[in-house]
Amino acid sequence: MFQSRHTLRRALPLVLLVVVLPVFLFAAAGGLGGKADQESLVMTERAVRRAAVQCYALEGSYPASLADLEERYGVSIDESRIFVDYQYIASNLMPDITVLPAAGQGDPVLEWAGGPFWKERDQL
């Protein structure tokens, strides 16, 4: 009996290390992936805003559409991963720019009533 307790005490840290370490590493890797996705959204929003302001500075008006920014100012958006809602207000007012994960890519908080929030909000 004494021998089995001693063996158990020696093996327990190894078993914990083998079980806990992979779980911890998996959780940490998942957190890094989510942080990278969030950073991608922030960088895309900054790029769109910067291009809109540059257009205003050079031409005296904000671009009327996101397509104008993509065509004339080189903004590139991966539409399979990112949804950009660009609402033109007036030539002298900054457009309303919202950047979200594309449908099926994002945070479950953005999912509502079986579909992406930005498509369902008009049906309220």
Foldseek 3Di string as FASTA:
>chain_A
DVVVVVVCVVCVVVVCCVPVVVVVVVVVVVVVVQVVLVVVQVVLQVVQQVLQVVCCVVPVFGDQDPVCCCVPVVRDDPQQFKDWDWADDTRNDHTDIDIATHWPRHDCVQDDPNTGVVVCVVVD
